[in-house]
Amino acid sequence: MRPSVLAMLLFSACLAGPAAAQVNPFRGSSSTPLDAGDIEALTAATNRLLNHPQIIAGESEGWSNPKSGAGGTATAGDAVRRKGLACRTVRYQMTVPGPRAERTALLTWCKTKDGWKIG
C-alpha cells in the first residue's frame, strides 16, 4: 500500500475518537511506524485544532515526540457540510525517522454530538 493510504488508515483508526487501544497500520509496511507516543501527540494536536472556538483555514497545531523523533502539523482546511453536519478538512504533515520520512494525509472531520469524527 502507498504511505498516503496507510496514513489515512492510521488517522481513521486512531483519531476518530478517544480510543484506549491504538492501532498502527504502518506495522509491516516499508515505512517506519508511528508509535503510541506519536499517535498520542498527533491526536492532542488534532483536538486542540478542532476545538479552537474560532478556527480558520490555515491555522495549524504542531506535535512532536522527542522520544521517537517524529513530529508534524495538523492544519485546518475549509469548513464543509456532510450529511447535515458541520465539518472541516485537516491536512496532516508528518516527519518520522527512517525511509519515506515525509508523509501527508487529508481528512475531513465532522462535529457530532459525541465529538469530532472522521466524515
PDB file of N, CA and C in Angstrom:
ATOM      1  N   MET A   1       0.832  -1.192   0.000  1.00  0.00           N
ATOM      2  CA  MET A   1       0.000   0.000   0.000  1.00  0.00           C
ATOM      3  C   MET A   1       0.865   1.238   0.000  1.00  0.00           C
ATOM      4  N   ARG A   2       0.357   2.308  -0.579  1.00  0.00           N
ATOM      5  CA  ARG A   2       1.068   3.580  -0.590  1.00  0.00           C
ATOM      6  C   ARG A   2       1.027   4.199   0.798  1.00  0.00           C
ATOM      7  N   PRO A   3       2.080   4.944   1.184  1.00  0.00           N
ATOM      8  CA  PRO A   3       2.115   5.572   2.509  1.00  0.00           C
ATOM      9  C   PRO A   3       0.918   6.486   2.766  1.00  0.00           C
ATOM     10  N   SER A   4       0.418   7.184   1.738  1.00  0.00           N
ATOM     11  CA  SER A   4      -0.721   8.081   1.971  1.00  0.00           C
ATOM     12  C   SER A   4      -1.975   7.293   2.324  1.00  0.00           C
ATOM     13  N   VAL A   5      -2.150   6.121   1.729  1.00  0.00           N
ATOM     14  CA  VAL A   5      -3.298   5.276   2.064  1.00  0.00           C
ATOM     15  C   VAL A   5      -3.145   4.749   3.483  1.00  0.00           C
ATOM     16  N   LEU A   6      -1.936   4.338   3.817  1.00  0.00           N
ATOM     17  CA  LEU A   6      -1.700   3.849   5.169  1.00  0.00           C
ATOM     18  C   LEU A   6      -1.886   4.955   6.200  1.00  0.00           C
ATOM     19  N   ALA A   7      -1.456   6.164   5.860  1.00  0.00           N
ATOM     20  CA  ALA A   7      -1.657   7.287   6.778  1.00  0.00           C
ATOM     21  C   ALA A   7      -3.145   7.520   7.007  1.00  0.00           C
ATOM     22  N   MET A   8      -3.934   7.436   5.947  1.00  0.00           N
ATOM     23  CA  MET A   8      -5.379   7.608   6.071  1.00  0.00           C
ATOM     24  C   MET A   8      -5.957   6.560   7.017  1.00  0.00           C
ATOM     25  N   LEU A   9      -5.516   5.319   6.875  1.00  0.00           N
ATOM     26  CA  LEU A   9      -5.990   4.270   7.764  1.00  0.00           C
ATOM     27  C   LEU A   9      -5.594   4.547   9.209  1.00  0.00           C
ATOM     28  N   LEU A  10      -4.380   5.033   9.403  1.00  0.00           N
ATOM     29  CA  LEU A  10      -3.916   5.363  10.747  1.00  0.00           C
ATOM     30  C   LEU A  10      -4.827   6.388  11.388  1.00  0.00           C
ATOM     31  N   PHE A  11      -5.075   7.465  10.677  1.00  0.00           N
ATOM     32  CA  PHE A  11      -5.904   8.515  11.233  1.00  0.00           C
ATOM     33  C   PHE A  11      -7.327   8.043  11.452  1.00  0.00           C
ATOM     34  N   SER A  12      -7.844   7.268  10.539  1.00  0.00           N
ATOM     35  CA  SER A  12      -9.202   6.749  10.681  1.00  0.00           C
ATOM     36  C   SER A  12      -9.333   5.888  11.923  1.00  0.00           C
ATOM     37  N   ALA A  13      -8.351   5.038  12.137  1.00  0.00           N
ATOM     38  CA  ALA A  13      -8.422   4.118  13.254  1.00  0.00           C
ATOM     39  C   ALA A  13      -8.091   4.763  14.587  1.00  0.00           C
ATOM     40  N   CYS A  14      -7.183   5.720  14.577  1.00  0.00           N
ATOM     41  CA  CYS A  14      -6.646   6.231  15.834  1.00  0.00           C
ATOM     42  C   CYS A  14      -7.191   7.571  16.273  1.00  0.00           C
ATOM     43  N   LEU A  15      -7.728   8.344  15.365  1.00  0.00           N
ATOM     44  CA  LEU A  15      -8.142   9.684  15.734  1.00  0.00           C
ATOM     45  C   LEU A  15      -9.647   9.897  15.697  1.00  0.00           C
ATOM     46  N   ALA A  16     -10.399   8.915  15.311  1.00  0.00           N
ATOM     47  CA  ALA A  16     -11.837   9.083  15.180  1.00  0.00           C
ATOM     48  C   ALA A  16     -12.507   9.298  16.527  1.00  0.00           C
ATOM     49  N   GLY A  17     -11.869   8.968  17.583  1.00  0.00           N
ATOM     50  CA  GLY A  17     -12.443   9.177  18.904  1.00  0.00           C
ATOM     51  C   GLY A  17     -11.424   8.809  19.944  1.00  0.00           C
ATOM     52  N   PRO A  18     -11.757   9.049  21.191  1.00  0.00           N
ATOM     53  CA  PRO A  18     -10.808   8.728  22.245  1.00  0.00           C
ATOM     54  C   PRO A  18     -10.725   7.224  22.455  1.00  0.00           C
ATOM     55  N   ALA A  19      -9.816   6.601  21.779  1.00  0.00           N
ATOM     56  CA  ALA A  19      -9.654   5.151  21.875  1.00  0.00           C
ATOM     57  C   ALA A  19      -8.552   4.826  22.874  1.00  0.00           C
ATOM     58  N   ALA A  20      -8.809   3.855  23.691  1.00  0.00           N
ATOM     59  CA  ALA A  20      -7.804   3.444  24.661  1.00  0.00           C
ATOM     60  C   ALA A  20      -6.704   2.632  23.978  1.00  0.00           C
ATOM     61  N   ALA A  21      -7.090   1.788  23.042  1.00  0.00           N
ATOM     62  CA  ALA A  21      -6.101   0.988  22.316  1.00  0.00           C
ATOM     63  C   ALA A  21      -5.805   1.672  20.991  1.00  0.00           C
ATOM     64  N   GLN A  22      -4.548   1.741  20.648  1.00  0.00           N
ATOM     65  CA  GLN A  22      -4.141   2.388  19.408  1.00  0.00           C
ATOM     66  C   GLN A  22      -3.796   1.321  18.373  1.00  0.00           C
ATOM     67  N   VAL A  23      -4.273   1.517  17.151  1.00  0.00           N
ATOM     68  CA  VAL A  23      -3.967   0.633  16.039  1.00  0.00           C
ATOM     69  C   VAL A  23      -2.921   1.325  15.183  1.00  0.00           C
ATOM     70  N   ASN A  24      -1.943   0.581  14.712  1.00  0.00           N
ATOM     71  CA  ASN A  24      -0.877   1.174  13.916  1.00  0.00           C
ATOM     72  C   ASN A  24      -0.770   0.440  12.579  1.00  0.00           C
ATOM     73  N   PRO A  25      -1.436   0.952  11.525  1.00  0.00           N
ATOM     74  CA  PRO A  25      -1.399   0.265  10.239  1.00  0.00           C
ATOM     75  C   PRO A  25      -0.067   0.368   9.521  1.00  0.00           C
ATOM     76  N   PHE A  26       0.898   1.156  10.025  1.00  0.00           N
ATOM     77  CA  PHE A  26       2.216   1.209   9.410  1.00  0.00           C
ATOM     78  C   PHE A  26       3.021  -0.050   9.732  1.00  0.00           C
ATOM     79  N   ARG A  27       2.580  -0.821  10.705  1.00  0.00           N
ATOM     80  CA  ARG A  27       3.271  -2.052  11.067  1.00  0.00           C
ATOM     81  C   ARG A  27       3.302  -2.965   9.847  1.00  0.00           C
ATOM     82  N   GLY A  28       4.467  -3.478   9.531  1.00  0.00           N
ATOM     83  CA  GLY A  28       4.594  -4.386   8.412  1.00  0.00           C
ATOM     84  C   GLY A  28       4.746  -3.690   7.065  1.00  0.00           C
ATOM     85  N   SER A  29       4.717  -2.365   7.045  1.00  0.00           N
ATOM     86  CA  SER A  29       4.908  -1.648   5.781  1.00  0.00           C
ATOM     87  C   SER A  29       6.387  -1.294   5.650  1.00  0.00           C
ATOM     88  N   SER A  30       6.744  -0.701   4.516  1.00  0.00           N
ATOM     89  CA  SER A  30       8.131  -0.294   4.316  1.00  0.00           C
ATOM     90  C   SER A  30       8.442   1.009   5.037  1.00  0.00           C
ATOM     91  N   SER A  31       7.437   1.652   5.598  1.00  0.00           N
ATOM     92  CA  SER A  31       7.624   2.910   6.319  1.00  0.00           C
ATOM     93  C   SER A  31       7.822   2.647   7.803  1.00  0.00           C
ATOM     94  N   THR A  32       8.516   3.561   8.454  1.00  0.00           N
ATOM     95  CA  THR A  32       8.674   3.474   9.897  1.00  0.00           C
ATOM     96  C   THR A  32       7.329   3.750  10.552  1.00  0.00           C
ATOM     97  N   PRO A  33       6.895   2.891  11.470  1.00  0.00           N
ATOM     98  CA  PRO A  33       5.575   3.086  12.078  1.00  0.00           C
ATOM     99  C   PRO A  33       5.547   4.257  13.061  1.00  0.00           C
ATOM    100  N   LEU A  34       4.378   4.839  13.201  1.00  0.00           N
ATOM    101  CA  LEU A  34       4.155   5.794  14.279  1.00  0.00           C
ATOM    102  C   LEU A  34       3.940   4.970  15.534  1.00  0.00           C
ATOM    103  N   ASP A  35       4.577   5.370  16.627  1.00  0.00           N
ATOM    104  CA  ASP A  35       4.381   4.617  17.851  1.00  0.00           C
ATOM    105  C   ASP A  35       3.257   5.259  18.677  1.00  0.00           C
ATOM    106  N   ALA A  36       2.946   4.657  19.810  1.00  0.00           N
ATOM    107  CA  ALA A  36       1.839   5.129  20.640  1.00  0.00           C
ATOM    108  C   ALA A  36       2.044   6.581  21.078  1.00  0.00           C
ATOM    109  N   GLY A  37       3.280   6.962  21.378  1.00  0.00           N
ATOM    110  CA  GLY A  37       3.570   8.347  21.769  1.00  0.00           C
ATOM    111  C   GLY A  37       3.343   9.320  20.625  1.00  0.00           C
ATOM    112  N   ASP A  38       3.695   8.901  19.399  1.00  0.00           N
ATOM    113  CA  ASP A  38       3.450   9.727  18.207  1.00  0.00           C
ATOM    114  C   ASP A  38       1.951   9.943  18.026  1.00  0.00           C
ATOM    115  N   ILE A  39       1.200   8.869  18.117  1.00  0.00           N
ATOM    116  CA  ILE A  39      -0.250   8.939  17.922  1.00  0.00           C
ATOM    117  C   ILE A  39      -0.894   9.796  18.998  1.00  0.00           C
ATOM    118  N   GLU A  40      -0.425   9.671  20.223  1.00  0.00           N
ATOM    119  CA  GLU A  40      -0.953  10.486  21.321  1.00  0.00           C
ATOM    120  C   GLU A  40      -0.706  11.973  21.056  1.00  0.00           C
ATOM    121  N   ALA A  41       0.508  12.319  20.622  1.00  0.00           N
ATOM    122  CA  ALA A  41       0.843  13.718  20.343  1.00  0.00           C
ATOM    123  C   ALA A  41       0.050  14.244  19.148  1.00  0.00           C
ATOM    124  N   LEU A  42      -0.090  13.443  18.100  1.00  0.00           N
ATOM    125  CA  LEU A  42      -0.845  13.831  16.914  1.00  0.00           C
ATOM    126  C   LEU A  42      -2.325  14.021  17.241  1.00  0.00           C
ATOM    127  N   THR A  43      -2.876  13.132  18.056  1.00  0.00           N
ATOM    128  CA  THR A  43      -4.280  13.232  18.471  1.00  0.00           C
ATOM    129  C   THR A  43      -4.513  14.501  19.289  1.00  0.00           C
ATOM    130  N   ALA A  44      -3.603  14.801  20.196  1.00  0.00           N
ATOM    131  CA  ALA A  44      -3.740  16.011  21.015  1.00  0.00           C
ATOM    132  C   ALA A  44      -3.710  17.265  20.146  1.00  0.00           C
ATOM    133  N   ALA A  45      -2.830  17.297  19.140  1.00  0.00           N
ATOM    134  CA  ALA A  45      -2.764  18.449  18.232  1.00  0.00           C
ATOM    135  C   ALA A  45      -4.061  18.591  17.441  1.00  0.00           C
ATOM    136  N   THR A  46      -4.608  17.470  16.966  1.00  0.00           N
ATOM    137  CA  THR A  46      -5.868  17.499  16.218  1.00  0.00           C
ATOM    138  C   THR A  46      -6.994  18.028  17.094  1.00  0.00           C
ATOM    139  N   ASN A  47      -7.070  17.549  18.314  1.00  0.00           N
ATOM    140  CA  ASN A  47      -8.126  18.005  19.231  1.00  0.00           C
ATOM    141  C   ASN A  47      -7.996  19.492  19.543  1.00  0.00           C
ATOM    142  N   ARG A  48      -6.773  19.963  19.783  1.00  0.00           N
ATOM    143  CA  ARG A  48      -6.578  21.395  20.046  1.00  0.00           C
ATOM    144  C   ARG A  48      -7.040  22.217  18.848  1.00  0.00           C
ATOM    145  N   LEU A  49      -6.683  21.778  17.666  1.00  0.00           N
ATOM    146  CA  LEU A  49      -7.045  22.500  16.448  1.00  0.00           C
ATOM    147  C   LEU A  49      -8.558  22.529  16.251  1.00  0.00           C
ATOM    148  N   LEU A  50      -9.190  21.373  16.287  1.00  0.00           N
ATOM    149  CA  LEU A  50     -10.623  21.314  16.006  1.00  0.00           C
ATOM    150  C   LEU A  50     -11.475  21.960  17.092  1.00  0.00           C
ATOM    151  N   ASN A  51     -10.966  22.011  18.296  1.00  0.00           N
ATOM    152  CA  ASN A  51     -11.738  22.606  19.388  1.00  0.00           C
ATOM    153  C   ASN A  51     -11.469  24.089  19.589  1.00  0.00           C
ATOM    154  N   HIS A  52     -10.657  24.681  18.722  1.00  0.00           N
ATOM    155  CA  HIS A  52     -10.428  26.125  18.784  1.00  0.00           C
ATOM    156  C   HIS A  52     -11.749  26.832  18.493  1.00  0.00           C
ATOM    157  N   PRO A  53     -12.174  27.791  19.336  1.00  0.00           N
ATOM    158  CA  PRO A  53     -13.502  28.406  19.184  1.00  0.00           C
ATOM    159  C   PRO A  53     -13.742  29.100  17.843  1.00  0.00           C
ATOM    160  N   GLN A  54     -12.759  29.736  17.274  1.00  0.00           N
ATOM    161  CA  GLN A  54     -12.930  30.463  16.009  1.00  0.00           C
ATOM    162  C   GLN A  54     -11.917  29.973  14.989  1.00  0.00           C
ATOM    163  N   ILE A  55     -11.901  28.676  14.746  1.00  0.00           N
ATOM    164  CA  ILE A  55     -10.916  28.091  13.843  1.00  0.00           C
ATOM    165  C   ILE A  55     -11.058  28.673  12.432  1.00  0.00           C
ATOM    166  N   ILE A  56      -9.919  28.970  11.824  1.00  0.00           N
ATOM    167  CA  ILE A  56      -9.919  29.498  10.459  1.00  0.00           C
ATOM    168  C   ILE A  56      -8.996  28.637   9.590  1.00  0.00           C
ATOM    169  N   ALA A  57      -9.297  28.591   8.305  1.00  0.00           N
ATOM    170  CA  ALA A  57      -8.463  27.834   7.370  1.00  0.00           C
ATOM    171  C   ALA A  57      -7.032  28.354   7.428  1.00  0.00           C
ATOM    172  N   GLY A  58      -6.089  27.440   7.478  1.00  0.00           N
ATOM    173  CA  GLY A  58      -4.673  27.793   7.550  1.00  0.00           C
ATOM    174  C   GLY A  58      -4.106  27.741   8.958  1.00  0.00           C
ATOM    175  N   GLU A  59      -4.951  27.718   9.959  1.00  0.00           N
ATOM    176  CA  GLU A  59      -4.487  27.619  11.347  1.00  0.00           C
ATOM    177  C   GLU A  59      -3.900  26.230  11.576  1.00  0.00           C
ATOM    178  N   SER A  60      -2.780  26.159  12.287  1.00  0.00           N
ATOM    179  CA  SER A  60      -2.085  24.884  12.494  1.00  0.00           C
ATOM    180  C   SER A  60      -1.790  24.627  13.955  1.00  0.00           C
ATOM    181  N   GLU A  61      -1.654  23.370  14.261  1.00  0.00           N
ATOM    182  CA  GLU A  61      -1.174  22.907  15.567  1.00  0.00           C
ATOM    183  C   GLU A  61      -0.052  21.925  15.302  1.00  0.00           C
ATOM    184  N   GLY A  62       1.050  22.114  15.982  1.00  0.00           N
ATOM    185  CA  GLY A  62       2.182  21.210  15.823  1.00  0.00           C
ATOM    186  C   GLY A  62       2.168  20.109  16.861  1.00  0.00           C
ATOM    187  N   TRP A  63       2.881  19.061  16.560  1.00  0.00           N
ATOM    188  CA  TRP A  63       3.069  17.971  17.510  1.00  0.00           C
ATOM    189  C   TRP A  63       4.476  17.406  17.326  1.00  0.00           C
ATOM    190  N   SER A  64       5.011  16.852  18.385  1.00  0.00           N
ATOM    191  CA  SER A  64       6.303  16.186  18.298  1.00  0.00           C
ATOM    192  C   SER A  64       6.415  15.163  19.411  1.00  0.00           C
ATOM    193  N   ASN A  65       7.218  14.196  19.156  1.00  0.00           N
ATOM    194  CA  ASN A  65       7.528  13.180  20.144  1.00  0.00           C
ATOM    195  C   ASN A  65       9.054  13.060  20.198  1.00  0.00           C
ATOM    196  N   PRO A  66       9.684  13.763  21.145  1.00  0.00           N
ATOM    197  CA  PRO A  66      11.146  13.734  21.234  1.00  0.00           C
ATOM    198  C   PRO A  66      11.707  12.319  21.405  1.00  0.00           C
ATOM    199  N   LYS A  67      10.941  11.440  22.005  1.00  0.00           N
ATOM    200  CA  LYS A  67      11.409  10.074  22.236  1.00  0.00           C
ATOM    201  C   LYS A  67      11.614   9.317  20.919  1.00  0.00           C
ATOM    202  N   SER A  68      10.703   9.512  19.947  1.00  0.00           N
ATOM    203  CA  SER A  68      10.807   8.800  18.668  1.00  0.00           C
ATOM    204  C   SER A  68      11.450   9.647  17.571  1.00  0.00           C
ATOM    205  N   GLY A  69      11.448  10.966  17.763  1.00  0.00           N
ATOM    206  CA  GLY A  69      11.957  11.860  16.731  1.00  0.00           C
ATOM    207  C   GLY A  69      10.923  12.234  15.691  1.00  0.00           C
ATOM    208  N   ALA A  70       9.692  11.775  15.852  1.00  0.00           N
ATOM    209  CA  ALA A  70       8.616  12.079  14.902  1.00  0.00           C
ATOM    210  C   ALA A  70       7.947  13.398  15.279  1.00  0.00           C
ATOM    211  N   GLY A  71       7.342  14.050  14.295  1.00  0.00           N
ATOM    212  CA  GLY A  71       6.617  15.281  14.542  1.00  0.00           C
ATOM    213  C   GLY A  71       5.885  15.704  13.295  1.00  0.00           C
ATOM    214  N   GLY A  72       5.142  16.787  13.425  1.00  0.00           N
ATOM    215  CA  GLY A  72       4.418  17.282  12.270  1.00  0.00           C
ATOM    216  C   GLY A  72       3.423  18.351  12.641  1.00  0.00           C
ATOM    217  N   THR A  73       2.502  18.602  11.716  1.00  0.00           N
ATOM    218  CA  THR A  73       1.468  19.602  11.928  1.00  0.00           C
ATOM    219  C   THR A  73       0.117  19.081  11.452  1.00  0.00           C
ATOM    220  N   ALA A  74      -0.913  19.620  12.069  1.00  0.00           N
ATOM    221  CA  ALA A  74      -2.294  19.446  11.628  1.00  0.00           C
ATOM    222  C   ALA A  74      -2.766  20.846  11.254  1.00  0.00           C
ATOM    223  N   THR A  75      -3.197  21.039  10.009  1.00  0.00           N
ATOM    224  CA  THR A  75      -3.586  22.353   9.509  1.00  0.00           C
ATOM    225  C   THR A  75      -5.038  22.338   9.069  1.00  0.00           C
ATOM    226  N   ALA A  76      -5.807  23.287   9.596  1.00  0.00           N
ATOM    227  CA  ALA A  76      -7.224  23.384   9.246  1.00  0.00           C
ATOM    228  C   ALA A  76      -7.396  23.808   7.794  1.00  0.00           C
ATOM    229  N   GLY A  77      -8.317  23.138   7.140  1.00  0.00           N
ATOM    230  CA  GLY A  77      -8.699  23.500   5.781  1.00  0.00           C
ATOM    231  C   GLY A  77     -10.065  24.171   5.802  1.00  0.00           C
ATOM    232  N   ASP A  78     -10.785  24.010   4.731  1.00  0.00           N
ATOM    233  CA  ASP A  78     -12.084  24.652   4.588  1.00  0.00           C
ATOM    234  C   ASP A  78     -13.156  23.994   5.446  1.00  0.00           C
ATOM    235  N   ALA A  79     -14.108  24.803   5.864  1.00  0.00           N
ATOM    236  CA  ALA A  79     -15.305  24.297   6.529  1.00  0.00           C
ATOM    237  C   ALA A  79     -16.231  23.770   5.433  1.00  0.00           C
ATOM    238  N   VAL A  80     -16.804  22.591   5.660  1.00  0.00           N
ATOM    239  CA  VAL A  80     -17.719  21.965   4.707  1.00  0.00           C
ATOM    240  C   VAL A  80     -18.885  21.363   5.473  1.00  0.00           C
ATOM    241  N   ARG A  81     -19.899  20.926   4.747  1.00  0.00           N
ATOM    242  CA  ARG A  81     -21.035  20.232   5.363  1.00  0.00           C
ATOM    243  C   ARG A  81     -21.139  18.849   4.742  1.00  0.00           C
ATOM    244  N   ARG A  82     -21.361  17.869   5.588  1.00  0.00           N
ATOM    245  CA  ARG A  82     -21.577  16.493   5.146  1.00  0.00           C
ATOM    246  C   ARG A  82     -22.721  15.911   5.943  1.00  0.00           C
ATOM    247  N   LYS A  83     -23.698  15.391   5.230  1.00  0.00           N
ATOM    248  CA  LYS A  83     -24.855  14.758   5.879  1.00  0.00           C
ATOM    249  C   LYS A  83     -25.443  15.646   6.959  1.00  0.00           C
ATOM    250  N   GLY A  84     -25.488  16.944   6.703  1.00  0.00           N
ATOM    251  CA  GLY A  84     -26.070  17.899   7.638  1.00  0.00           C
ATOM    252  C   GLY A  84     -25.174  18.283   8.801  1.00  0.00           C
ATOM    253  N   LEU A  85     -23.952  17.797   8.830  1.00  0.00           N
ATOM    254  CA  LEU A  85     -23.035  18.099   9.925  1.00  0.00           C
ATOM    255  C   LEU A  85     -22.027  19.159   9.510  1.00  0.00           C
ATOM    256  N   ALA A  86     -21.632  19.986  10.472  1.00  0.00           N
ATOM    257  CA  ALA A  86     -20.549  20.950  10.259  1.00  0.00           C
ATOM    258  C   ALA A  86     -19.243  20.178  10.290  1.00  0.00           C
ATOM    259  N   CYS A  87     -18.442  20.329   9.240  1.00  0.00           N
ATOM    260  CA  CYS A  87     -17.206  19.570   9.106  1.00  0.00           C
ATOM    261  C   CYS A  87     -16.057  20.497   8.729  1.00  0.00           C
ATOM    262  N   ARG A  88     -14.853  19.973   8.816  1.00  0.00           N
ATOM    263  CA  ARG A  88     -13.666  20.729   8.451  1.00  0.00           C
ATOM    264  C   ARG A  88     -12.615  19.758   7.937  1.00  0.00           C
ATOM    265  N   THR A  89     -11.948  20.157   6.844  1.00  0.00           N
ATOM    266  CA  THR A  89     -10.826  19.349   6.366  1.00  0.00           C
ATOM    267  C   THR A  89      -9.598  19.681   7.207  1.00  0.00           C
ATOM    268  N   VAL A  90      -8.754  18.684   7.391  1.00  0.00           N
ATOM    269  CA  VAL A  90      -7.498  18.857   8.119  1.00  0.00           C
ATOM    270  C   VAL A  90      -6.404  18.159   7.316  1.00  0.00           C
ATOM    271  N   ARG A  91      -5.333  18.909   7.036  1.00  0.00           N
ATOM    272  CA  ARG A  91      -4.180  18.355   6.325  1.00  0.00           C
ATOM    273  C   ARG A  91      -3.102  18.045   7.357  1.00  0.00           C
ATOM    274  N   TYR A  92      -2.578  16.840   7.260  1.00  0.00           N
ATOM    275  CA  TYR A  92      -1.529  16.395   8.166  1.00  0.00           C
ATOM    276  C   TYR A  92      -0.218  16.295   7.408  1.00  0.00           C
ATOM    277  N   GLN A  93       0.837  16.819   8.005  1.00  0.00           N
ATOM    278  CA  GLN A  93       2.196  16.649   7.501  1.00  0.00           C
ATOM    279  C   GLN A  93       2.992  16.039   8.639  1.00  0.00           C
ATOM    280  N   MET A  94       3.667  14.950   8.355  1.00  0.00           N
ATOM    281  CA  MET A  94       4.409  14.231   9.385  1.00  0.00           C
ATOM    282  C   MET A  94       5.817  13.944   8.892  1.00  0.00           C
ATOM    283  N   THR A  95       6.744  13.925   9.823  1.00  0.00           N
ATOM    284  CA  THR A  95       8.109  13.510   9.547  1.00  0.00           C
ATOM    285  C   THR A  95       8.483  12.481  10.606  1.00  0.00           C
ATOM    286  N   VAL A  96       8.971  11.350  10.149  1.00  0.00           N
ATOM    287  CA  VAL A  96       9.424  10.295  11.057  1.00  0.00           C
ATOM    288  C   VAL A  96      10.826   9.872  10.627  1.00  0.00           C
ATOM    289  N   PRO A  97      11.637   9.421  11.567  1.00  0.00           N
ATOM    290  CA  PRO A  97      12.965   8.944  11.189  1.00  0.00           C
ATOM    291  C   PRO A  97      12.848   7.716  10.279  1.00  0.00           C
ATOM    292  N   GLY A  98      13.797   7.560   9.390  1.00  0.00           N
ATOM    293  CA  GLY A  98      13.823   6.367   8.555  1.00  0.00           C
ATOM    294  C   GLY A  98      13.430   6.637   7.120  1.00  0.00           C
ATOM    295  N   PRO A  99      13.243   5.563   6.350  1.00  0.00           N
ATOM    296  CA  PRO A  99      12.874   5.722   4.944  1.00  0.00           C
ATOM    297  C   PRO A  99      11.486   6.332   4.817  1.00  0.00           C
ATOM    298  N   ARG A 100      11.291   7.050   3.733  1.00  0.00           N
ATOM    299  CA  ARG A 100       9.998   7.703   3.485  1.00  0.00           C
ATOM    300  C   ARG A 100       9.593   8.555   4.684  1.00  0.00           C
ATOM    301  N   ALA A 101      10.473   9.422   5.072  1.00  0.00           N
ATOM    302  CA  ALA A 101      10.300  10.211   6.288  1.00  0.00           C
ATOM    303  C   ALA A 101       9.125  11.181   6.199  1.00  0.00           C
ATOM    304  N   GLU A 102       8.860  11.751   5.028  1.00  0.00           N
ATOM    305  CA  GLU A 102       7.788  12.734   4.866  1.00  0.00           C
ATOM    306  C   GLU A 102       6.485  12.046   4.486  1.00  0.00           C
ATOM    307  N   ARG A 103       5.423  12.393   5.192  1.00  0.00           N
ATOM    308  CA  ARG A 103       4.103  11.830   4.901  1.00  0.00           C
ATOM    309  C   ARG A 103       3.058  12.931   4.995  1.00  0.00           C
ATOM    310  N   THR A 104       1.998  12.790   4.207  1.00  0.00           N
ATOM    311  CA  THR A 104       0.877  13.720   4.289  1.00  0.00           C
ATOM    312  C   THR A 104      -0.428  12.938   4.214  1.00  0.00           C
ATOM    313  N   ALA A 105      -1.462  13.542   4.744  1.00  0.00           N
ATOM    314  CA  ALA A 105      -2.809  12.974   4.657  1.00  0.00           C
ATOM    315  C   ALA A 105      -3.805  14.123   4.748  1.00  0.00           C
ATOM    316  N   LEU A 106      -4.943  13.961   4.142  1.00  0.00           N
ATOM    317  CA  LEU A 106      -6.021  14.938   4.210  1.00  0.00           C
ATOM    318  C   LEU A 106      -7.277  14.209   4.653  1.00  0.00           C
ATOM    319  N   LEU A 107      -7.856  14.652   5.763  1.00  0.00           N
ATOM    320  CA  LEU A 107      -9.080  14.047   6.291  1.00  0.00           C
ATOM    321  C   LEU A 107     -10.140  15.115   6.496  1.00  0.00           C
ATOM    322  N   THR A 108     -11.378  14.685   6.491  1.00  0.00           N
ATOM    323  CA  THR A 108     -12.486  15.569   6.832  1.00  0.00           C
ATOM    324  C   THR A 108     -13.068  15.100   8.157  1.00  0.00           C
ATOM    325  N   TRP A 109     -13.136  16.024   9.102  1.00  0.00           N
ATOM    326  CA  TRP A 109     -13.681  15.760  10.439  1.00  0.00           C
ATOM    327  C   TRP A 109     -15.035  16.429  10.553  1.00  0.00           C
ATOM    328  N   CYS A 110     -16.017  15.747  11.145  1.00  0.00           N
ATOM    329  CA  CYS A 110     -17.360  16.306  11.333  1.00  0.00           C
ATOM    330  C   CYS A 110     -17.707  16.338  12.810  1.00  0.00           C
ATOM    331  N   LYS A 111     -18.339  17.428  13.221  1.00  0.00           N
ATOM    332  CA  LYS A 111     -18.724  17.609  14.629  1.00  0.00           C
ATOM    333  C   LYS A 111     -20.035  16.873  14.864  1.00  0.00           C
ATOM    334  N   THR A 112     -20.002  15.915  15.782  1.00  0.00           N
ATOM    335  CA  THR A 112     -21.196  15.152  16.148  1.00  0.00           C
ATOM    336  C   THR A 112     -21.511  15.427  17.611  1.00  0.00           C
ATOM    337  N   LYS A 113     -22.623  14.918  18.068  1.00  0.00           N
ATOM    338  CA  LYS A 113     -22.973  15.098  19.489  1.00  0.00           C
ATOM    339  C   LYS A 113     -21.957  14.424  20.397  1.00  0.00           C
ATOM    340  N   ASP A 114     -21.227  13.440  19.859  1.00  0.00           N
ATOM    341  CA  ASP A 114     -20.215  12.718  20.643  1.00  0.00           C
ATOM    342  C   ASP A 114     -18.806  13.238  20.415  1.00  0.00           C
ATOM    343  N   GLY A 115     -18.669  14.365  19.699  1.00  0.00           N
ATOM    344  CA  GLY A 115     -17.361  14.910  19.424  1.00  0.00           C
ATOM    345  C   GLY A 115     -17.015  14.851  17.939  1.00  0.00           C
ATOM    346  N   TRP A 116     -15.778  15.133  17.612  1.00  0.00           N
ATOM    347  CA  TRP A 116     -15.317  15.124  16.223  1.00  0.00           C
ATOM    348  C   TRP A 116     -15.083  13.707  15.753  1.00  0.00           C
ATOM    349  N   LYS A 117     -15.599  13.386  14.580  1.00  0.00           N
ATOM    350  CA  LYS A 117     -15.436  12.082  13.954  1.00  0.00           C
ATOM    351  C   LYS A 117     -15.037  12.265  12.504  1.00  0.00           C
ATOM    352  N   ILE A 118     -14.297  11.312  11.967  1.00  0.00           N
ATOM    353  CA  ILE A 118     -13.930  11.386  10.564  1.00  0.00           C
ATOM    354  C   ILE A 118     -15.179  11.203   9.726  1.00  0.00           C
ATOM    355  N   GLY A 119     -15.384  12.149   8.789  1.00  0.00           N
ATOM    356  CA  GLY A 119     -16.600  12.155   7.971  1.00  0.00           C
ATOM    357  C   GLY A 119     -16.429  11.505   6.635  1.00  0.00           C
TER     358      GLY A 119
END
